[in-house]
Amino acid sequence: MKKFLIAAAFLFVGGLAFGQTIVVKSGDLSILKTPGVYATVDVDWSATKIDGMPVNEYVKTRSEGAQMSWESDNENMKSMFFGIFTKKNKKGVQGVLEFNVGNEITYMSVGKTLQKVDPSLVKYRITIKPEVMTLGNVGGMFVPFSTTAGGATMTGTLEISDFTTGEVLCSVNIVDFQGMNGYTEADRKNMVFYGIAADLCKMIKKGASAN
């Protein structure tokens, strides 16, 4: 009985971790159902505060190793979102990666194999704009009712814009979204983006809109 109650407590806390909110503020996510076209994925950190500090100040509080890996960690977060979005929205808009090759930008779709994409098929830009983040603490795995431990959380917006004109076609509010826990700060950051991508794809299938 005691083991059952402990297990139930962890399940309960796990459920609380996914009580976050993703709401369509304007537009219609159905635009991402269109097959045969692509979207780039970007992250805008310009207005982000992590644990109450601007990003550049927060980074200075980390270890030397964490500071050195900060940029690559951010690319991993973007890749995590990109990969899950591409996999779970496979019947609709797919993600593409931008590569600067000489004076030209090459667009590559991952899918099962890396392949070049006709630039004329890149129709949308998905931009994630974190505003407030907390990066959690691995202690949540062992102290389930700690108020500071657990997965990383993010509040911000996600915008889908026309790739050519920059017009915002759909805006999504993300409120206190908590990802699954992980042993490292980088893992916990990745899991926030994983969770947002997975939930966004569920909303796309349902045709979620602001109306």
Protein backbone atom coordinates (compact mmCIF):
# COMPACT_ATOMS: atom_id res chain seq x y z
CA MET A 1 0.00 0.00 0.00
CA LYS A 2 2.80 2.39 0.91
CA LYS A 3 4.56 1.74 -2.41
CA PHE A 4 1.29 2.40 -4.22
CA LEU A 5 0.81 5.75 -2.48
CA ILE A 6 4.36 6.83 -3.36
CA ALA A 7 3.86 5.87 -6.99
CA ALA A 8 0.53 7.68 -7.04
CA ALA A 9 2.17 10.80 -5.64
CA PHE A 10 4.70 10.86 -8.47
CA LEU A 11 1.94 10.36 -11.05
CA PHE A 12 -0.05 13.19 -9.48
CA VAL A 13 2.92 15.54 -9.62
CA GLY A 14 3.61 14.47 -13.20
CA GLY A 15 0.05 15.43 -14.05
CA LEU A 16 0.47 18.83 -12.42
CA ALA A 17 3.53 19.43 -14.57
CA PHE A 18 1.33 19.34 -17.65
CA GLY A 19 -1.33 21.73 -16.39
CA GLN A 20 0.16 24.43 -18.63
CA THR A 21 -1.75 26.50 -21.13
CA ILE A 22 -1.30 27.00 -24.86
CA VAL A 23 -3.98 29.25 -26.35
CA VAL A 24 -4.43 30.61 -29.88
CA LYS A 25 -4.52 34.40 -29.48
CA SER A 26 -5.13 35.28 -33.13
CA GLY A 27 -5.47 33.46 -36.44
CA ASP A 28 -5.94 29.78 -37.13
CA LEU A 29 -3.47 26.91 -36.68
CA SER A 30 -5.10 25.10 -39.62
CA ILE A 31 -2.69 26.95 -41.92
CA LEU A 32 -0.07 24.45 -40.76
CA LYS A 33 -2.14 21.55 -42.10
CA THR A 34 -1.15 22.37 -45.69
CA PRO A 35 0.88 19.50 -47.18
CA GLY A 36 3.85 20.02 -49.50
CA VAL A 37 5.07 23.33 -48.03
CA TYR A 38 7.61 24.21 -45.36
CA ALA A 39 8.31 26.47 -42.40
CA THR A 40 11.54 27.62 -40.79
CA VAL A 41 11.81 27.51 -37.00
CA ASP A 42 13.49 30.31 -35.04
CA VAL A 43 13.86 31.30 -31.38
CA ASP A 44 13.92 34.98 -30.40
CA TRP A 45 15.70 35.45 -27.04
CA SER A 46 15.78 39.26 -27.17
CA ALA A 47 13.13 39.83 -24.47
CA THR A 48 13.74 36.70 -22.39
CA LYS A 49 14.37 36.64 -18.66
CA ILE A 50 15.65 33.44 -17.07
CA ASP A 51 15.18 33.09 -13.33
CA GLY A 52 14.45 36.82 -13.27
CA MET A 53 17.57 37.90 -15.17
CA PRO A 54 18.19 38.94 -18.80
CA VAL A 55 19.75 36.06 -20.71
CA ASN A 56 23.24 37.58 -20.91
CA GLU A 57 23.30 38.14 -17.13
CA TYR A 58 21.96 34.67 -16.38
CA VAL A 59 24.64 33.02 -18.52
CA LYS A 60 27.35 34.74 -16.48
CA THR A 61 26.09 32.96 -13.34
CA ARG A 62 26.67 29.51 -14.85
CA SER A 63 29.79 27.38 -14.76
CA GLU A 64 32.50 27.91 -17.36
CA GLY A 65 31.42 24.76 -19.18
CA ALA A 66 27.77 25.83 -19.20
CA GLN A 67 28.73 29.25 -20.56
CA MET A 68 30.78 27.69 -23.35
CA SER A 69 27.95 25.36 -24.38
CA TRP A 70 25.16 27.96 -24.12
CA GLU A 71 24.89 28.68 -27.85
CA SER A 72 25.03 25.00 -28.84
CA ASP A 73 22.45 24.21 -26.14
CA ASN A 74 20.12 26.77 -27.71
CA GLU A 75 20.59 25.20 -31.13
CA ASN A 76 19.70 21.86 -29.57
CA MET A 77 16.49 23.36 -28.16
CA LYS A 78 15.57 24.62 -31.61
CA SER A 79 16.43 21.25 -33.15
CA MET A 80 14.30 19.48 -30.53
CA PHE A 81 11.27 21.59 -31.48
CA PHE A 82 12.02 21.20 -35.20
CA GLY A 83 12.37 17.43 -35.02
CA ILE A 84 9.19 16.79 -33.03
CA PHE A 85 7.15 19.24 -35.11
CA THR A 86 8.31 17.63 -38.36
CA LYS A 87 7.59 14.13 -37.08
CA LYS A 88 4.16 14.76 -35.55
CA ASN A 89 2.88 17.11 -38.26
CA LYS A 90 4.00 14.81 -41.08
CA LYS A 91 0.76 15.22 -43.06
CA GLY A 92 1.01 19.01 -42.99
CA VAL A 93 3.62 21.76 -43.11
CA GLN A 94 7.12 20.44 -42.49
CA GLY A 95 10.06 22.18 -40.87
CA VAL A 96 13.19 23.19 -42.76
CA LEU A 97 16.64 24.17 -41.57
CA GLU A 98 18.36 27.23 -42.99
CA PHE A 99 22.01 26.94 -44.01
CA ASN A 100 24.16 29.82 -45.20
CA VAL A 101 26.20 28.49 -48.10
CA GLY A 102 28.35 31.21 -49.62
CA ASN A 103 26.01 34.08 -50.46
CA GLU A 104 22.96 31.83 -50.69
CA ILE A 105 20.64 30.26 -48.14
CA THR A 106 19.95 26.58 -48.64
CA TYR A 107 16.84 25.00 -47.12
CA MET A 108 17.05 21.39 -45.99
CA SER A 109 14.25 19.14 -44.77
CA VAL A 110 15.17 16.33 -42.40
CA GLY A 111 12.42 13.70 -42.60
CA LYS A 112 13.95 10.25 -43.02
CA THR A 113 16.85 11.70 -45.00
CA LEU A 114 18.33 15.18 -45.33
CA GLN A 115 17.14 16.67 -48.59
CA LYS A 116 17.24 20.04 -50.32
CA VAL A 117 13.99 22.01 -50.53
CA ASP A 118 12.85 24.35 -53.30
CA PRO A 119 12.92 27.85 -51.69
CA SER A 120 9.57 28.69 -53.30
CA LEU A 121 7.96 26.03 -51.08
CA VAL A 122 9.11 27.71 -47.85
CA LYS A 123 5.89 29.54 -46.97
CA TYR A 124 5.99 30.13 -43.21
CA ARG A 125 8.29 31.12 -40.35
CA ILE A 126 7.60 29.77 -36.86
CA THR A 127 9.14 32.03 -34.21
CA ILE A 128 9.19 31.07 -30.54
CA LYS A 129 9.60 34.07 -28.21
CA PRO A 130 10.31 33.04 -24.61
CA GLU A 131 9.56 35.86 -22.18
CA VAL A 132 9.96 34.20 -18.79
CA MET A 133 11.80 30.93 -18.13
CA THR A 134 12.78 28.98 -15.05
CA LEU A 135 15.14 26.10 -15.64
CA GLY A 136 14.04 23.74 -12.90
CA ASN A 137 16.09 21.43 -10.75
CA VAL A 138 16.77 17.71 -10.88
CA GLY A 139 15.66 17.51 -7.23
CA GLY A 140 12.08 17.22 -8.44
CA MET A 141 12.76 13.56 -9.14
CA PHE A 142 13.47 12.95 -5.49
CA VAL A 143 11.53 15.70 -3.69
CA PRO A 144 8.21 15.69 -5.59
CA PHE A 145 6.54 18.47 -3.60
CA SER A 146 9.43 20.94 -3.75
CA THR A 147 8.31 24.34 -5.06
CA THR A 148 11.60 24.97 -6.89
CA ALA A 149 12.36 21.53 -8.30
CA GLY A 150 11.15 19.88 -11.47
CA GLY A 151 11.20 20.55 -15.20
CA ALA A 152 11.90 23.92 -16.79
CA THR A 153 8.96 26.25 -17.47
CA MET A 154 8.32 28.84 -20.15
CA THR A 155 5.88 31.70 -20.69
CA GLY A 156 5.93 33.51 -24.00
CA THR A 157 4.47 33.50 -27.50
CA LEU A 158 4.75 31.53 -30.71
CA GLU A 159 4.11 33.32 -33.98
CA ILE A 160 3.49 31.89 -37.43
CA SER A 161 4.23 34.46 -40.11
CA ASP A 162 4.29 34.63 -43.88
CA PHE A 163 7.87 33.82 -44.85
CA THR A 164 8.02 36.42 -47.62
CA THR A 165 6.13 39.39 -46.17
CA GLY A 166 6.67 38.79 -42.45
CA GLU A 167 2.94 39.26 -41.75
CA VAL A 168 1.92 37.43 -38.57
CA LEU A 169 -0.83 34.98 -39.54
CA CYS A 170 -1.31 33.24 -36.21
CA SER A 171 -0.19 34.01 -32.67
CA VAL A 172 -0.19 31.55 -29.77
CA ASN A 173 0.19 32.37 -26.07
CA ILE A 174 2.24 29.95 -23.97
CA VAL A 175 1.65 30.26 -20.23
CA ASP A 176 3.68 28.45 -17.54
CA PHE A 177 4.44 25.54 -19.84
CA GLN A 178 6.46 22.95 -17.93
CA GLY A 179 8.51 20.29 -19.64
CA MET A 180 9.50 16.93 -18.24
CA ASN A 181 12.36 16.79 -15.77
CA GLY A 182 15.94 15.96 -16.69
CA TYR A 183 19.30 15.51 -15.00
CA THR A 184 20.92 18.56 -16.62
CA GLU A 185 19.80 22.11 -17.28
CA ALA A 186 20.24 21.51 -21.02
CA ASP A 187 17.97 18.44 -20.85
CA ARG A 188 15.29 20.40 -19.05
CA LYS A 189 15.42 23.22 -21.61
CA ASN A 190 15.10 20.69 -24.42
CA MET A 191 12.06 19.08 -22.83
CA VAL A 192 10.18 22.39 -22.71
CA PHE A 193 10.57 22.74 -26.48
CA TYR A 194 9.72 19.07 -26.98
CA GLY A 195 6.47 19.48 -25.06
CA ILE A 196 5.45 22.69 -26.82
CA ALA A 197 6.03 21.13 -30.25
CA ALA A 198 4.04 18.00 -29.35
CA ASP A 199 1.09 19.96 -27.93
CA LEU A 200 1.14 22.40 -30.84
CA CYS A 201 0.81 19.50 -33.30
CA LYS A 202 -2.21 18.18 -31.38
CA MET A 203 -3.80 21.62 -31.67
CA ILE A 204 -3.03 21.78 -35.40
CA LYS A 205 -4.86 18.48 -35.93
CA LYS A 206 -7.89 19.88 -34.11
CA GLY A 207 -7.78 23.07 -36.18
CA ALA A 208 -7.49 25.29 -33.12
CA SER A 209 -8.19 28.96 -33.77
CA ALA A 210 -8.85 32.21 -31.92
CA ASN A 211 -12.58 32.00 -32.75
